[in-house]
N, C-alpha and C. Protein backbone atom coordinates (compact mmCIF):
# COMPACT_ATOMS: atom_id res chain seq x y z
N MET A 1 51.25 113.37 100.52
CA MET A 1 50.69 114.58 99.92
C MET A 1 50.43 114.41 98.42
N PRO A 2 51.34 113.84 97.61
CA PRO A 2 51.06 113.70 96.19
C PRO A 2 49.81 112.89 95.90
N GLY A 3 49.55 111.85 96.70
CA GLY A 3 48.33 111.05 96.50
C GLY A 3 47.08 111.86 96.78
N GLU A 4 47.14 112.71 97.80
CA GLU A 4 46.01 113.56 98.15
C GLU A 4 45.72 114.56 97.03
N VAL A 5 46.74 115.17 96.47
CA VAL A 5 46.55 116.12 95.36
C VAL A 5 45.99 115.39 94.16
N ARG A 6 46.45 114.19 93.89
CA ARG A 6 45.95 113.41 92.76
C ARG A 6 44.46 113.11 92.92
N ARG A 7 44.04 112.73 94.13
CA ARG A 7 42.62 112.45 94.37
C ARG A 7 41.78 113.71 94.22
N ARG A 8 42.27 114.82 94.76
CA ARG A 8 41.52 116.08 94.69
C ARG A 8 41.39 116.58 93.25
N SER A 9 42.42 116.39 92.44
CA SER A 9 42.37 116.93 91.08
C SER A 9 41.31 116.23 90.24
N PHE A 10 40.89 115.03 90.61
CA PHE A 10 39.87 114.31 89.85
C PHE A 10 38.50 114.34 90.55
N SER A 11 38.33 115.16 91.56
CA SER A 11 37.08 115.15 92.32
C SER A 11 36.26 116.42 92.18
N GLY A 12 36.51 117.24 91.19
CA GLY A 12 35.70 118.43 90.96
C GLY A 12 36.25 119.69 91.59
N TYR A 13 37.37 119.63 92.25
CA TYR A 13 37.97 120.83 92.82
C TYR A 13 38.41 121.78 91.71
N LEU A 14 38.40 123.07 92.01
CA LEU A 14 38.95 124.08 91.12
C LEU A 14 40.31 124.48 91.66
N PHE A 15 41.29 124.54 90.80
CA PHE A 15 42.61 125.01 91.17
C PHE A 15 42.82 126.36 90.49
N ILE A 16 43.04 127.40 91.28
CA ILE A 16 43.16 128.76 90.76
C ILE A 16 44.60 129.22 90.96
N PHE A 17 45.22 129.65 89.86
CA PHE A 17 46.60 130.12 89.88
C PHE A 17 46.66 131.54 89.36
N ARG A 18 47.55 132.33 89.92
CA ARG A 18 47.76 133.70 89.46
C ARG A 18 49.11 133.77 88.75
N THR A 19 49.19 134.55 87.68
CA THR A 19 50.47 134.75 87.00
C THR A 19 51.38 135.60 87.89
N ARG A 20 52.65 135.56 87.62
CA ARG A 20 53.61 136.29 88.46
C ARG A 20 53.33 137.78 88.51
N ARG A 21 52.96 138.35 87.39
CA ARG A 21 52.69 139.79 87.35
C ARG A 21 51.33 140.14 87.94
N GLY A 22 50.47 139.15 88.10
CA GLY A 22 49.16 139.40 88.68
C GLY A 22 48.14 139.93 87.70
N THR A 23 48.41 139.84 86.40
CA THR A 23 47.47 140.37 85.42
C THR A 23 46.48 139.31 84.94
N ALA A 24 46.68 138.06 85.32
CA ALA A 24 45.77 137.00 84.87
C ALA A 24 45.71 135.90 85.93
N ILE A 25 44.59 135.20 85.94
CA ILE A 25 44.47 134.00 86.75
C ILE A 25 44.02 132.86 85.85
N ARG A 26 44.39 131.66 86.22
CA ARG A 26 44.01 130.47 85.46
C ARG A 26 43.29 129.51 86.38
N VAL A 27 42.25 128.89 85.86
CA VAL A 27 41.45 127.95 86.62
C VAL A 27 41.56 126.59 85.94
N LEU A 28 41.93 125.58 86.72
CA LEU A 28 42.07 124.22 86.21
C LEU A 28 41.04 123.35 86.90
N GLN A 29 40.28 122.57 86.10
CA GLN A 29 39.22 121.71 86.64
C GLN A 29 39.13 120.45 85.81
N TYR A 30 38.85 119.33 86.49
CA TYR A 30 38.58 118.08 85.79
C TYR A 30 37.07 117.89 85.79
N ASP A 31 36.47 117.69 84.61
CA ASP A 31 35.01 117.59 84.51
C ASP A 31 34.50 116.17 84.27
N GLY A 32 35.33 115.18 84.46
CA GLY A 32 34.91 113.79 84.27
C GLY A 32 35.36 113.22 82.95
N GLN A 33 35.60 114.08 81.97
CA GLN A 33 36.07 113.63 80.66
C GLN A 33 37.47 114.13 80.35
N GLY A 34 37.86 115.19 80.97
CA GLY A 34 39.17 115.76 80.74
C GLY A 34 39.33 117.02 81.54
N PHE A 35 40.49 117.62 81.44
CA PHE A 35 40.78 118.84 82.18
C PHE A 35 40.36 120.05 81.37
N ARG A 36 39.87 121.07 82.07
CA ARG A 36 39.53 122.35 81.46
C ARG A 36 40.48 123.38 82.05
N LEU A 37 40.97 124.24 81.20
CA LEU A 37 41.82 125.34 81.63
C LEU A 37 41.22 126.64 81.12
N ALA A 38 40.88 127.51 82.05
CA ALA A 38 40.29 128.80 81.69
C ALA A 38 41.22 129.90 82.18
N THR A 39 41.31 130.97 81.42
CA THR A 39 42.15 132.10 81.78
C THR A 39 41.30 133.36 81.84
N ASN A 40 41.49 134.14 82.88
CA ASN A 40 40.83 135.43 83.02
C ASN A 40 41.95 136.47 83.10
N ARG A 41 42.06 137.29 82.08
CA ARG A 41 43.14 138.28 82.01
C ARG A 41 42.55 139.68 82.11
N LEU A 42 43.15 140.52 82.93
CA LEU A 42 42.70 141.89 83.08
C LEU A 42 43.40 142.78 82.06
N SER A 43 42.65 143.65 81.41
CA SER A 43 43.26 144.58 80.46
C SER A 43 43.92 145.75 81.19
N LYS A 44 43.40 146.07 82.38
CA LYS A 44 43.99 147.12 83.21
C LYS A 44 44.02 146.62 84.65
N GLY A 45 45.05 146.96 85.35
CA GLY A 45 45.14 146.61 86.76
C GLY A 45 45.68 145.20 86.98
N ARG A 46 45.64 144.79 88.23
CA ARG A 46 46.16 143.49 88.63
C ARG A 46 45.26 142.86 89.67
N PHE A 47 45.34 141.55 89.77
CA PHE A 47 44.68 140.84 90.85
C PHE A 47 45.53 141.08 92.10
N ARG A 48 45.06 141.87 93.02
CA ARG A 48 45.84 142.24 94.20
C ARG A 48 45.81 141.15 95.27
N TRP A 49 44.66 140.55 95.47
CA TRP A 49 44.52 139.57 96.54
C TRP A 49 45.21 138.28 96.16
N TRP A 50 46.00 137.77 97.06
CA TRP A 50 46.61 136.46 96.86
C TRP A 50 47.22 136.03 98.18
N PRO A 51 47.18 134.73 98.49
CA PRO A 51 47.76 134.27 99.76
C PRO A 51 49.25 134.59 99.84
N THR A 52 49.68 134.96 101.02
CA THR A 52 51.09 135.23 101.26
C THR A 52 51.50 134.53 102.56
N GLY A 53 52.76 134.54 102.81
CA GLY A 53 53.27 133.96 104.05
C GLY A 53 53.71 132.52 103.86
N PRO A 54 53.85 131.80 104.96
CA PRO A 54 54.37 130.43 104.89
C PRO A 54 53.43 129.48 104.13
N GLU A 55 52.13 129.74 104.19
CA GLU A 55 51.18 128.88 103.47
C GLU A 55 50.70 129.62 102.23
N ALA A 56 51.16 129.19 101.07
CA ALA A 56 50.83 129.89 99.82
C ALA A 56 49.60 129.32 99.16
N ALA A 57 48.70 128.71 99.92
CA ALA A 57 47.47 128.15 99.35
C ALA A 57 46.31 128.47 100.28
N ARG A 58 45.15 128.62 99.69
CA ARG A 58 43.92 128.85 100.45
C ARG A 58 42.81 128.00 99.87
N LYS A 59 41.79 127.79 100.66
CA LYS A 59 40.59 127.09 100.20
C LYS A 59 39.43 128.07 100.26
N PRO A 60 39.22 128.85 99.19
CA PRO A 60 38.13 129.83 99.22
C PRO A 60 36.77 129.15 99.11
N ARG A 61 35.76 129.79 99.68
CA ARG A 61 34.39 129.32 99.53
C ARG A 61 33.90 129.74 98.15
N ALA A 62 32.74 129.25 97.75
CA ALA A 62 32.22 129.49 96.39
C ALA A 62 32.08 130.99 96.11
N HIS A 63 31.50 131.75 97.04
CA HIS A 63 31.32 133.19 96.78
C HIS A 63 32.66 133.92 96.73
N GLN A 64 33.66 133.44 97.47
CA GLN A 64 34.98 134.05 97.41
C GLN A 64 35.63 133.80 96.06
N ALA A 65 35.47 132.60 95.51
CA ALA A 65 36.02 132.30 94.19
C ALA A 65 35.34 133.16 93.13
N GLN A 66 34.03 133.37 93.25
CA GLN A 66 33.32 134.22 92.30
C GLN A 66 33.84 135.66 92.36
N LEU A 67 34.07 136.17 93.56
CA LEU A 67 34.62 137.52 93.69
C LEU A 67 36.02 137.60 93.10
N LEU A 68 36.83 136.58 93.32
CA LEU A 68 38.18 136.57 92.77
C LEU A 68 38.15 136.58 91.25
N LEU A 69 37.27 135.79 90.64
CA LEU A 69 37.17 135.74 89.18
C LEU A 69 36.67 137.06 88.60
N ALA A 70 35.96 137.84 89.41
CA ALA A 70 35.48 139.15 88.97
C ALA A 70 36.47 140.25 89.34
N ALA A 71 37.71 139.89 89.70
CA ALA A 71 38.78 140.81 90.06
C ALA A 71 38.47 141.58 91.33
N GLY A 72 37.67 140.97 92.20
CA GLY A 72 37.36 141.60 93.47
C GLY A 72 38.20 141.04 94.59
N ASN A 73 37.93 141.50 95.79
CA ASN A 73 38.63 141.03 96.97
C ASN A 73 37.78 139.97 97.66
N PRO A 74 38.22 138.70 97.65
CA PRO A 74 37.43 137.63 98.25
C PRO A 74 37.26 137.77 99.76
N ASP A 75 38.09 138.57 100.41
CA ASP A 75 37.97 138.74 101.85
C ASP A 75 36.92 139.78 102.23
N ALA A 76 36.33 140.46 101.24
CA ALA A 76 35.29 141.44 101.52
C ALA A 76 34.05 140.74 102.07
N SER A 77 33.31 141.44 102.89
CA SER A 77 32.12 140.83 103.46
C SER A 77 31.08 140.61 102.36
N ALA A 78 30.44 139.48 102.42
CA ALA A 78 29.45 139.11 101.41
C ALA A 78 28.27 138.44 102.11
N PRO A 79 27.11 138.43 101.47
CA PRO A 79 25.98 137.75 102.07
C PRO A 79 26.26 136.25 102.17
N PRO A 80 25.53 135.54 103.00
CA PRO A 80 25.75 134.10 103.13
C PRO A 80 25.56 133.38 101.80
N ALA A 81 26.13 132.19 101.70
CA ALA A 81 26.06 131.43 100.45
C ALA A 81 24.62 131.10 100.10
N TRP A 82 23.74 130.94 101.08
CA TRP A 82 22.33 130.67 100.81
C TRP A 82 21.52 131.29 101.93
N ARG A 83 20.28 131.58 101.60
CA ARG A 83 19.36 132.15 102.59
C ARG A 83 18.08 131.34 102.59
N PRO A 84 17.54 131.01 103.73
CA PRO A 84 16.27 130.29 103.74
C PRO A 84 15.14 131.17 103.21
N LEU A 85 14.24 130.57 102.49
CA LEU A 85 13.09 131.31 101.96
C LEU A 85 12.00 131.39 103.02
N SER A 86 11.40 132.54 103.14
CA SER A 86 10.28 132.68 104.06
C SER A 86 9.01 132.22 103.36
N THR A 87 8.22 131.45 104.07
CA THR A 87 6.97 130.93 103.46
C THR A 87 5.76 131.55 104.05
């Protein structure tokens, strides 16, 4: 497992962490030159959605991560990630 995490951390994956109180999330990413750490802190409210149970990790899709960063619920129904254009 440690080798797998090491490979993933250098391959463009985003790692999203929530603070204990749920008022902020942090995003960690390697961009090829170094690690970036971004913090999104809410002035009011908390990030309610977070994995629970025996598996404390999830692999959200791109639109789910965007909803999470906007303090939304990633499990809400959303349009598909892409739509074919009609010609």
